[in-house]
Amino acid sequence: NATAWQFWNAYEPGNAKRNTRYYLIALQPKPDFKDGEFMVTKNL
């Protein structure tokens, strides 16, 4: 009977094609994290 439901991190570095356990949006950042790409997962 929860009246509110909140996911943890909306986006984290990860793979959008398998084991998308930690995020709604999978980040593929560059090493310095100042740019990168992202992919939407089915979790979103």
All heavy atoms as atom14 arrays in JSON, in Angstrom:
{
  "sequence": "NATAWQFWNAYEPGNAKRNTRYYLIALQPKPDFKDGEFMVTKNL",
  "atom14_mask": [
    [1, 1, 1, 1, 1, 1, 1, 1, 0, 0, 0, 0, 0, 0],
    [1, 1, 1, 1, 1, 0, 0, 0, 0, 0, 0, 0, 0, 0],
    [1, 1, 1, 1, 1, 1, 1, 0, 0, 0, 0, 0, 0, 0],
    [1, 1, 1, 1, 1, 0, 0, 0, 0, 0, 0, 0, 0, 0],
    [1, 1, 1, 1, 1, 1, 1, 1, 1, 1, 1, 1, 1, 1],
    [1, 1, 1, 1, 1, 1, 1, 1, 1, 0, 0, 0, 0, 0],
    [1, 1, 1, 1, 1, 1, 1, 1, 1, 1, 1, 0, 0, 0],
    [1, 1, 1, 1, 1, 1, 1, 1, 1, 1, 1, 1, 1, 1],
    [1, 1, 1, 1, 1, 1, 1, 1, 0, 0, 0, 0, 0, 0],
    [1, 1, 1, 1, 1, 0, 0, 0, 0, 0, 0, 0, 0, 0],
    [1, 1, 1, 1, 1, 1, 1, 1, 1, 1, 1, 1, 0, 0],
    [1, 1, 1, 1, 1, 1, 1, 1, 1, 0, 0, 0, 0, 0],
    [1, 1, 1, 1, 1, 1, 1, 0, 0, 0, 0, 0, 0, 0],
    [1, 1, 1, 1, 0, 0, 0, 0, 0, 0, 0, 0, 0, 0],
    [1, 1, 1, 1, 1, 1, 1, 1, 0, 0, 0, 0, 0, 0],
    [1, 1, 1, 1, 1, 0, 0, 0, 0, 0, 0, 0, 0, 0],
    [1, 1, 1, 1, 1, 1, 1, 1, 1, 0, 0, 0, 0, 0],
    [1, 1, 1, 1, 1, 1, 1, 1, 1, 1, 1, 0, 0, 0],
    [1, 1, 1, 1, 1, 1, 1, 1, 0, 0, 0, 0, 0, 0],
    [1, 1, 1, 1, 1, 1, 1, 0, 0, 0, 0, 0, 0, 0],
    [1, 1, 1, 1, 1, 1, 1, 1, 1, 1, 1, 0, 0, 0],
    [1, 1, 1, 1, 1, 1, 1, 1, 1, 1, 1, 1, 0, 0],
    [1, 1, 1, 1, 1, 1, 1, 1, 1, 1, 1, 1, 0, 0],
    [1, 1, 1, 1, 1, 1, 1, 1, 0, 0, 0, 0, 0, 0],
    [1, 1, 1, 1, 1, 1, 1, 1, 0, 0, 0, 0, 0, 0],
    [1, 1, 1, 1, 1, 0, 0, 0, 0, 0, 0, 0, 0, 0],
    [1, 1, 1, 1, 1, 1, 1, 1, 0, 0, 0, 0, 0, 0],
    [1, 1, 1, 1, 1, 1, 1, 1, 1, 0, 0, 0, 0, 0],
    [1, 1, 1, 1, 1, 1, 1, 0, 0, 0, 0, 0, 0, 0],
    [1, 1, 1, 1, 1, 1, 1, 1, 1, 0, 0, 0, 0, 0],
    [1, 1, 1, 1, 1, 1, 1, 0, 0, 0, 0, 0, 0, 0],
    [1, 1, 1, 1, 1, 1, 1, 1, 0, 0, 0, 0, 0, 0],
    [1, 1, 1, 1, 1, 1, 1, 1, 1, 1, 1, 0, 0, 0],
    [1, 1, 1, 1, 1, 1, 1, 1, 1, 0, 0, 0, 0, 0],
    [1, 1, 1, 1, 1, 1, 1, 1, 0, 0, 0, 0, 0, 0],
    [1, 1, 1, 1, 0, 0, 0, 0, 0, 0, 0, 0, 0, 0],
    [1, 1, 1, 1, 1, 1, 1, 1, 1, 0, 0, 0, 0, 0],
    [1, 1, 1, 1, 1, 1, 1, 1, 1, 1, 1, 0, 0, 0],
    [1, 1, 1, 1, 1, 1, 1, 1, 0, 0, 0, 0, 0, 0],
    [1, 1, 1, 1, 1, 1, 1, 0, 0, 0, 0, 0, 0, 0],
    [1, 1, 1, 1, 1, 1, 1, 0, 0, 0, 0, 0, 0, 0],
    [1, 1, 1, 1, 1, 1, 1, 1, 1, 0, 0, 0, 0, 0],
    [1, 1, 1, 1, 1, 1, 1, 1, 0, 0, 0, 0, 0, 0],
    [1, 1, 1, 1, 1, 1, 1, 1, 0, 0, 0, 0, 0, 0]
  ],
  "atom14_positions": [
    [[0.82, -1.23, 0.0], [0.0, 0.0, 0.0], [0.84, 1.27, 0.0], [0.51, 2.27, 0.65], [-0.99, 0.02, 1.18], [-2.1, -0.99, 1.01], [-2.57, -1.23, -0.1], [-2.53, -1.59, 2.09], [0.0, 0.0, 0.0], [0.0, 0.0, 0.0], [0.0, 0.0, 0.0], [0.0, 0.0, 0.0], [0.0, 0.0, 0.0], [0.0, 0.0, 0.0]],
    [[1.96, 1.24, -0.71], [2.81, 2.43, -0.82], [2.04, 3.57, -1.46], [1.32, 3.37, -2.45], [4.05, 2.12, -1.64], [0.0, 0.0, 0.0], [0.0, 0.0, 0.0], [0.0, 0.0, 0.0], [0.0, 0.0, 0.0], [0.0, 0.0, 0.0], [0.0, 0.0, 0.0], [0.0, 0.0, 0.0], [0.0, 0.0, 0.0], [0.0, 0.0, 0.0]],
    [[2.2, 4.77, -0.92], [1.59, 5.95, -1.53], [2.57, 6.68, -2.44], [2.17, 7.55, -3.2], [1.07, 6.93, -0.46], [2.17, 7.37, 0.34], [0.04, 6.25, 0.43], [0.0, 0.0, 0.0], [0.0, 0.0, 0.0], [0.0, 0.0, 0.0], [0.0, 0.0, 0.0], [0.0, 0.0, 0.0], [0.0, 0.0, 0.0], [0.0, 0.0, 0.0]],
    [[3.86, 6.31, -2.35], [4.88, 6.88, -3.23], [5.88, 5.78, -3.56], [6.14, 4.9, -2.73], [5.58, 8.07, -2.58], [0.0, 0.0, 0.0], [0.0, 0.0, 0.0], [0.0, 0.0, 0.0], [0.0, 0.0, 0.0], [0.0, 0.0, 0.0], [0.0, 0.0, 0.0], [0.0, 0.0, 0.0], [0.0, 0.0, 0.0], [0.0, 0.0, 0.0]],
    [[6.44, 5.85, -4.78], [7.42, 4.84, -5.19], [8.52, 5.55, -6.0], [8.26, 6.21, -6.99], [6.78, 3.75, -6.05], [7.57, 2.49, -6.03], [7.35, 1.4, -5.25], [8.73, 2.18, -6.82], [8.31, 0.44, -5.49], [9.16, 0.89, -6.45], [9.44, 2.88, -7.79], [10.29, 0.28, -7.02], [10.56, 2.28, -8.36], [10.97, 1.0, -7.98]],
    [[9.78, 5.37, -5.53], [10.9, 6.09, -6.14], [12.06, 5.15, -6.45], [12.47, 4.37, -5.58], [11.35, 7.22, -5.19], [10.29, 8.28, -5.0], [10.31, 8.94, -3.63], [11.3, 8.86, -2.92], [9.22, 9.6, -3.26], [0.0, 0.0, 0.0], [0.0, 0.0, 0.0], [0.0, 0.0, 0.0], [0.0, 0.0, 0.0], [0.0, 0.0, 0.0]],
    [[12.52, 5.22, -7.7], [13.69, 4.44, -8.12], [14.95, 5.14, -7.62], [14.94, 6.34, -7.35], [13.7, 4.35, -9.65], [14.66, 3.32, -10.2], [14.34, 1.97, -10.18], [15.87, 3.7, -10.75], [15.22, 1.02, -10.69], [16.76, 2.78, -11.26], [16.43, 1.42, -11.23], [0.0, 0.0, 0.0], [0.0, 0.0, 0.0], [0.0, 0.0, 0.0]],
    [[16.06, 4.39, -7.51], [17.3, 4.99, -7.04], [17.87, 5.89, -8.12], [17.34, 6.97, -8.37], [18.26, 3.89, -6.59], [19.68, 4.34, -6.32], [20.82, 3.7, -6.71], [20.12, 5.51, -5.6], [21.94, 4.4, -6.28], [21.54, 5.51, -5.61], [19.45, 6.54, -4.97], [22.3, 6.5, -5.01], [20.21, 7.56, -4.37], [21.61, 7.53, -4.38]],
    [[18.91, 5.48, -8.8], [19.56, 6.38, -9.74], [18.94, 6.28, -11.14], [18.89, 5.2, -11.72], [21.06, 6.07, -9.84], [21.9, 7.19, -9.24], [21.38, 8.16, -8.7], [23.2, 7.06, -9.35], [0.0, 0.0, 0.0], [0.0, 0.0, 0.0], [0.0, 0.0, 0.0], [0.0, 0.0, 0.0], [0.0, 0.0, 0.0], [0.0, 0.0, 0.0]],
    [[18.51, 7.42, -11.64], [17.89, 7.44, -12.96], [18.88, 7.06, -14.05], [18.5, 6.48, -15.06], [17.3, 8.82, -13.23], [0.0, 0.0, 0.0], [0.0, 0.0, 0.0], [0.0, 0.0, 0.0], [0.0, 0.0, 0.0], [0.0, 0.0, 0.0], [0.0, 0.0, 0.0], [0.0, 0.0, 0.0], [0.0, 0.0, 0.0], [0.0, 0.0, 0.0]],
    [[20.14, 7.38, -13.84], [21.16, 7.09, -14.86], [22.47, 6.72, -14.18], [22.85, 7.29, -13.16], [21.38, 8.3, -15.78], [21.16, 9.64, -15.12], [22.11, 10.19, -14.28], [19.96, 10.32, -15.29], [21.9, 11.41, -13.64], [19.73, 11.53, -14.66], [20.7, 12.07, -13.83], [20.48, 13.25, -13.19], [0.0, 0.0, 0.0], [0.0, 0.0, 0.0]],
    [[23.12, 5.72, -14.74], [24.43, 5.27, -14.27], [25.17, 4.68, -15.47], [24.54, 4.27, -16.45], [24.3, 4.2, -13.18], [23.87, 4.71, -11.83], [24.07, 3.67, -10.73], [24.72, 2.63, -11.01], [23.6, 3.9, -9.61], [0.0, 0.0, 0.0], [0.0, 0.0, 0.0], [0.0, 0.0, 0.0], [0.0, 0.0, 0.0], [0.0, 0.0, 0.0]],
    [[26.49, 4.59, -15.4], [27.23, 3.9, -16.45], [26.8, 2.44, -16.51], [26.65, 1.78, -15.48], [28.69, 4.02, -16.0], [28.71, 5.21, -15.1], [27.39, 5.21, -14.4], [0.0, 0.0, 0.0], [0.0, 0.0, 0.0], [0.0, 0.0, 0.0], [0.0, 0.0, 0.0], [0.0, 0.0, 0.0], [0.0, 0.0, 0.0], [0.0, 0.0, 0.0]],
    [[26.57, 1.94, -17.73], [26.16, 0.54, -17.85], [25.75, 0.18, -19.26], [25.77, 0.99, -20.18], [0.0, 0.0, 0.0], [0.0, 0.0, 0.0], [0.0, 0.0, 0.0], [0.0, 0.0, 0.0], [0.0, 0.0, 0.0], [0.0, 0.0, 0.0], [0.0, 0.0, 0.0], [0.0, 0.0, 0.0], [0.0, 0.0, 0.0], [0.0, 0.0, 0.0]],
    [[25.33, -1.06, -19.4], [24.93, -1.64, -20.67], [23.4, -1.67, -20.76], [22.73, -2.06, -19.8], [25.49, -3.07, -20.76], [25.37, -3.66, -22.15], [24.35, -3.55, -22.8], [26.43, -4.32, -22.6], [0.0, 0.0, 0.0], [0.0, 0.0, 0.0], [0.0, 0.0, 0.0], [0.0, 0.0, 0.0], [0.0, 0.0, 0.0], [0.0, 0.0, 0.0]],
    [[22.85, -1.23, -21.87], [21.4, -1.21, -22.04], [20.86, -2.52, -22.59], [19.64, -2.68, -22.71], [20.99, -0.06, -22.97], [0.0, 0.0, 0.0], [0.0, 0.0, 0.0], [0.0, 0.0, 0.0], [0.0, 0.0, 0.0], [0.0, 0.0, 0.0], [0.0, 0.0, 0.0], [0.0, 0.0, 0.0], [0.0, 0.0, 0.0], [0.0, 0.0, 0.0]],
    [[21.73, -3.48, -22.91], [21.31, -4.7, -23.58], [21.26, -5.92, -22.65], [20.74, -6.96, -23.03], [22.26, -5.01, -24.75], [22.27, -3.93, -25.83], [20.9, -3.76, -26.47], [20.94, -2.76, -27.61], [19.59, -2.54, -28.2], [0.0, 0.0, 0.0], [0.0, 0.0, 0.0], [0.0, 0.0, 0.0], [0.0, 0.0, 0.0], [0.0, 0.0, 0.0]],
    [[21.83, -5.79, -21.45], [21.79, -6.94, -20.53], [21.97, -6.46, -19.09], [22.63, -5.46, -18.83], [22.87, -7.96, -20.88], [24.28, -7.4, -20.89], [25.31, -8.44, -21.34], [26.64, -7.88, -21.48], [27.5, -7.72, -20.48], [27.17, -8.1, -19.27], [28.7, -7.19, -20.7], [0.0, 0.0, 0.0], [0.0, 0.0, 0.0], [0.0, 0.0, 0.0]],
    [[21.34, -7.17, -18.17], [21.5, -6.92, -16.74], [21.37, -5.44, -16.38], [22.21, -4.86, -15.7], [22.85, -7.45, -16.24], [22.99, -8.95, -16.46], [22.0, -9.67, -16.51], [24.22, -9.4, -16.62], [0.0, 0.0, 0.0], [0.0, 0.0, 0.0], [0.0, 0.0, 0.0], [0.0, 0.0, 0.0], [0.0, 0.0, 0.0], [0.0, 0.0, 0.0]],
    [[20.28, -4.84, -16.82], [20.05, -3.4, -16.62], [19.46, -3.15, -15.23], [18.42, -2.49, -15.09], [19.12, -2.85, -17.71], [17.89, -3.59, -17.68], [19.73, -3.0, -19.08], [0.0, 0.0, 0.0], [0.0, 0.0, 0.0], [0.0, 0.0, 0.0], [0.0, 0.0, 0.0], [0.0, 0.0, 0.0], [0.0, 0.0, 0.0], [0.0, 0.0, 0.0]],
    [[20.14, -3.62, -14.22], [19.56, -3.7, -12.89], [19.62, -2.4, -12.1], [18.84, -2.22, -11.16], [20.28, -4.81, -12.11], [21.78, -4.63, -12.07], [22.52, -5.9, -11.7], [22.29, -6.28, -10.32], [22.95, -7.27, -9.71], [23.89, -7.94, -10.38], [22.7, -7.58, -8.46], [0.0, 0.0, 0.0], [0.0, 0.0, 0.0], [0.0, 0.0, 0.0]],
    [[20.52, -1.51, -12.46], [20.8, -0.36, -11.59], [20.26, 0.97, -12.12], [20.4, 1.97, -11.42], [22.31, -0.21, -11.39], [22.99, -1.38, -10.76], [24.09, -1.97, -11.37], [22.56, -1.9, -9.55], [24.74, -3.05, -10.79], [23.2, -2.98, -8.96], [24.28, -3.55, -9.6], [24.92, -4.62, -9.02], [0.0, 0.0, 0.0], [0.0, 0.0, 0.0]],
    [[19.7, 1.04, -13.28], [19.43, 2.34, -13.89], [18.25, 2.27, -14.85], [17.86, 1.21, -15.33], [20.67, 2.84, -14.65], [21.42, 1.73, -15.39], [20.96, 1.25, -16.61], [22.55, 1.15, -14.84], [21.62, 0.23, -17.27], [23.22, 0.12, -15.49], [22.75, -0.34, -16.71], [23.39, -1.37, -17.36], [0.0, 0.0, 0.0], [0.0, 0.0, 0.0]],
    [[17.7, 3.45, -15.11], [16.66, 3.63, -16.13], [17.29, 3.98, -17.47], [16.79, 3.58, -18.52], [15.69, 4.74, -15.71], [15.06, 4.62, -14.32], [14.2, 5.85, -14.03], [14.25, 3.34, -14.18], [0.0, 0.0, 0.0], [0.0, 0.0, 0.0], [0.0, 0.0, 0.0], [0.0, 0.0, 0.0], [0.0, 0.0, 0.0], [0.0, 0.0, 0.0]],
    [[18.37, 4.75, -17.41], [19.11, 5.19, -18.59], [20.56, 4.78, -18.41], [21.18, 5.1, -17.39], [18.99, 6.71, -18.79], [17.52, 7.1, -19.05], [19.88, 7.19, -19.93], [17.26, 8.59, -19.04], [0.0, 0.0, 0.0], [0.0, 0.0, 0.0], [0.0, 0.0, 0.0], [0.0, 0.0, 0.0], [0.0, 0.0, 0.0], [0.0, 0.0, 0.0]],
    [[21.1, 4.06, -19.39], [22.48, 3.57, -19.31], [23.43, 4.58, -19.95], [23.25, 4.97, -21.11], [22.6, 2.22, -20.03], [0.0, 0.0, 0.0], [0.0, 0.0, 0.0], [0.0, 0.0, 0.0], [0.0, 0.0, 0.0], [0.0, 0.0, 0.0], [0.0, 0.0, 0.0], [0.0, 0.0, 0.0], [0.0, 0.0, 0.0], [0.0, 0.0, 0.0]],
    [[24.4, 5.02, -19.17], [25.39, 5.98, -19.65], [26.61, 5.24, -20.2], [27.04, 4.23, -19.65], [25.85, 6.91, -18.53], [24.76, 7.7, -17.78], [25.42, 8.51, -16.66], [23.98, 8.6, -18.72], [0.0, 0.0, 0.0], [0.0, 0.0, 0.0], [0.0, 0.0, 0.0], [0.0, 0.0, 0.0], [0.0, 0.0, 0.0], [0.0, 0.0, 0.0]],
    [[27.15, 5.77, -21.3], [28.44, 5.3, -21.83], [29.37, 6.51, -21.87], [29.57, 7.13, -22.92], [28.3, 4.67, -23.22], [27.49, 3.38, -23.26], [26.0, 3.6, -23.39], [25.57, 4.42, -24.19], [25.2, 2.89, -22.6], [0.0, 0.0, 0.0], [0.0, 0.0, 0.0], [0.0, 0.0, 0.0], [0.0, 0.0, 0.0], [0.0, 0.0, 0.0]],
    [[29.9, 6.88, -20.7], [30.69, 8.13, -20.61], [32.1, 7.95, -21.14], [32.65, 6.84, -21.17], [30.71, 8.4, -19.1], [30.64, 7.04, -18.5], [29.76, 6.22, -19.41], [0.0, 0.0, 0.0], [0.0, 0.0, 0.0], [0.0, 0.0, 0.0], [0.0, 0.0, 0.0], [0.0, 0.0, 0.0], [0.0, 0.0, 0.0], [0.0, 0.0, 0.0]],
    [[32.7, 9.06, -21.53], [34.13, 9.07, -21.82], [34.89, 8.99, -20.49], [34.31, 9.22, -19.43], [34.49, 10.34, -22.59], [33.88, 10.36, -23.99], [34.32, 11.57, -24.8], [33.76, 11.52, -26.21], [34.17, 12.69, -27.03], [0.0, 0.0, 0.0], [0.0, 0.0, 0.0], [0.0, 0.0, 0.0], [0.0, 0.0, 0.0], [0.0, 0.0, 0.0]],
    [[36.17, 8.65, -20.52], [36.92, 8.43, -19.27], [36.85, 9.59, -18.28], [36.81, 9.36, -17.06], [38.35, 8.21, -19.76], [38.19, 7.6, -21.12], [36.98, 8.3, -21.71], [0.0, 0.0, 0.0], [0.0, 0.0, 0.0], [0.0, 0.0, 0.0], [0.0, 0.0, 0.0], [0.0, 0.0, 0.0], [0.0, 0.0, 0.0], [0.0, 0.0, 0.0]],
    [[36.8, 10.82, -18.78], [36.74, 11.96, -17.85], [35.3, 12.33, -17.48], [35.08, 13.28, -16.72], [37.47, 13.17, -18.44], [36.83, 13.68, -19.73], [35.8, 13.1, -20.18], [37.36, 14.65, -20.3], [0.0, 0.0, 0.0], [0.0, 0.0, 0.0], [0.0, 0.0, 0.0], [0.0, 0.0, 0.0], [0.0, 0.0, 0.0], [0.0, 0.0, 0.0]],
    [[34.33, 11.61, -18.02], [32.91, 11.81, -17.74], [32.38, 13.17, -18.2], [31.27, 13.56, -17.84], [32.61, 11.62, -16.25], [32.35, 10.19, -15.86], [33.4, 9.32, -15.67], [31.06, 9.72, -15.7], [33.17, 8.0, -15.31], [30.82, 8.41, -15.35], [31.88, 7.54, -15.15], [0.0, 0.0, 0.0], [0.0, 0.0, 0.0], [0.0, 0.0, 0.0]],
    [[33.11, 13.88, -19.04], [32.66, 15.2, -19.48], [31.85, 15.15, -20.77], [31.42, 16.18, -21.27], [33.86, 16.14, -19.61], [34.48, 16.46, -18.26], [35.57, 17.51, -18.35], [36.09, 17.88, -16.96], [37.15, 18.91, -17.0], [0.0, 0.0, 0.0], [0.0, 0.0, 0.0], [0.0, 0.0, 0.0], [0.0, 0.0, 0.0], [0.0, 0.0, 0.0]],
    [[31.66, 13.96, -21.29], [30.8, 13.74, -22.45], [30.57, 12.23, -22.53], [31.13, 11.46, -21.75], [31.45, 14.27, -23.73], [30.44, 14.42, -24.88], [29.25, 14.06, -24.67], [30.84, 14.87, -25.95], [0.0, 0.0, 0.0], [0.0, 0.0, 0.0], [0.0, 0.0, 0.0], [0.0, 0.0, 0.0], [0.0, 0.0, 0.0], [0.0, 0.0, 0.0]],
    [[29.76, 11.83, -23.47], [29.48, 10.42, -23.64], [28.18, 10.22, -24.38], [27.6, 11.17, -24.92], [0.0, 0.0, 0.0], [0.0, 0.0, 0.0], [0.0, 0.0, 0.0], [0.0, 0.0, 0.0], [0.0, 0.0, 0.0], [0.0, 0.0, 0.0], [0.0, 0.0, 0.0], [0.0, 0.0, 0.0], [0.0, 0.0, 0.0], [0.0, 0.0, 0.0]],
    [[27.73, 8.99, -24.41], [26.45, 8.65, -25.02], [25.55, 8.03, -23.96], [25.99, 7.72, -22.84], [26.66, 7.68, -26.19], [27.61, 8.18, -27.26], [27.15, 9.48, -27.91], [25.91, 9.68, -28.01], [28.0, 10.28, -28.33], [0.0, 0.0, 0.0], [0.0, 0.0, 0.0], [0.0, 0.0, 0.0], [0.0, 0.0, 0.0], [0.0, 0.0, 0.0]],
    [[24.29, 7.83, -24.31], [23.38, 7.17, -23.38], [22.35, 6.37, -24.16], [22.08, 6.64, -25.33], [22.68, 8.19, -22.47], [21.74, 9.13, -23.2], [20.41, 8.8, -23.37], [22.21, 10.34, -23.71], [19.55, 9.67, -24.05], [21.36, 11.2, -24.39], [20.03, 10.86, -24.55], [0.0, 0.0, 0.0], [0.0, 0.0, 0.0], [0.0, 0.0, 0.0]],
    [[21.8, 5.36, -23.51], [20.77, 4.53, -24.11], [19.64, 4.31, -23.1], [19.89, 4.13, -21.9], [21.34, 3.17, -24.54], [22.32, 3.23, -25.69], [22.88, 1.58, -26.21], [21.33, 0.94, -26.92], [0.0, 0.0, 0.0], [0.0, 0.0, 0.0], [0.0, 0.0, 0.0], [0.0, 0.0, 0.0], [0.0, 0.0, 0.0], [0.0, 0.0, 0.0]],
    [[18.43, 4.35, -23.6], [17.25, 4.12, -22.76], [17.06, 2.62, -22.57], [17.23, 1.84, -23.5], [16.0, 4.73, -23.42], [14.75, 4.39, -22.63], [16.15, 6.24, -23.55], [0.0, 0.0, 0.0], [0.0, 0.0, 0.0], [0.0, 0.0, 0.0], [0.0, 0.0, 0.0], [0.0, 0.0, 0.0], [0.0, 0.0, 0.0], [0.0, 0.0, 0.0]],
    [[16.74, 2.21, -21.36], [16.48, 0.8, -21.08], [14.96, 0.56, -20.95], [14.18, 1.5, -20.81], [17.14, 0.34, -19.78], [16.41, 0.86, -18.66], [18.59, 0.83, -19.71], [0.0, 0.0, 0.0], [0.0, 0.0, 0.0], [0.0, 0.0, 0.0], [0.0, 0.0, 0.0], [0.0, 0.0, 0.0], [0.0, 0.0, 0.0], [0.0, 0.0, 0.0]],
    [[14.59, -0.69, -20.97], [13.18, -1.05, -20.77], [12.72, -0.68, -19.36], [11.53, -0.47, -19.12], [12.99, -2.55, -20.98], [13.24, -3.04, -22.4], [12.09, -2.72, -23.33], [12.33, -3.3, -24.73], [11.22, -2.98, -25.68], [0.0, 0.0, 0.0], [0.0, 0.0, 0.0], [0.0, 0.0, 0.0], [0.0, 0.0, 0.0], [0.0, 0.0, 0.0]],
    [[13.69, -0.57, -18.42], [13.32, -0.16, -17.05], [12.64, 1.19, -17.03], [11.74, 1.44, -16.21], [14.56, -0.1, -16.16], [15.17, -1.45, -15.88], [14.5, -2.47, -16.02], [16.43, -1.47, -15.49], [0.0, 0.0, 0.0], [0.0, 0.0, 0.0], [0.0, 0.0, 0.0], [0.0, 0.0, 0.0], [0.0, 0.0, 0.0], [0.0, 0.0, 0.0]],
    [[13.1, 2.11, -17.87], [12.51, 3.44, -17.91], [11.02, 3.34, -18.17], [10.2, 3.98, -17.49], [13.17, 4.3, -18.98], [12.62, 5.72, -19.11], [13.25, 6.63, -18.07], [12.83, 6.3, -20.51], [0.0, 0.0, 0.0], [0.0, 0.0, 0.0], [0.0, 0.0, 0.0], [0.0, 0.0, 0.0], [0.0, 0.0, 0.0], [0.0, 0.0, 0.0]]
  ]
}
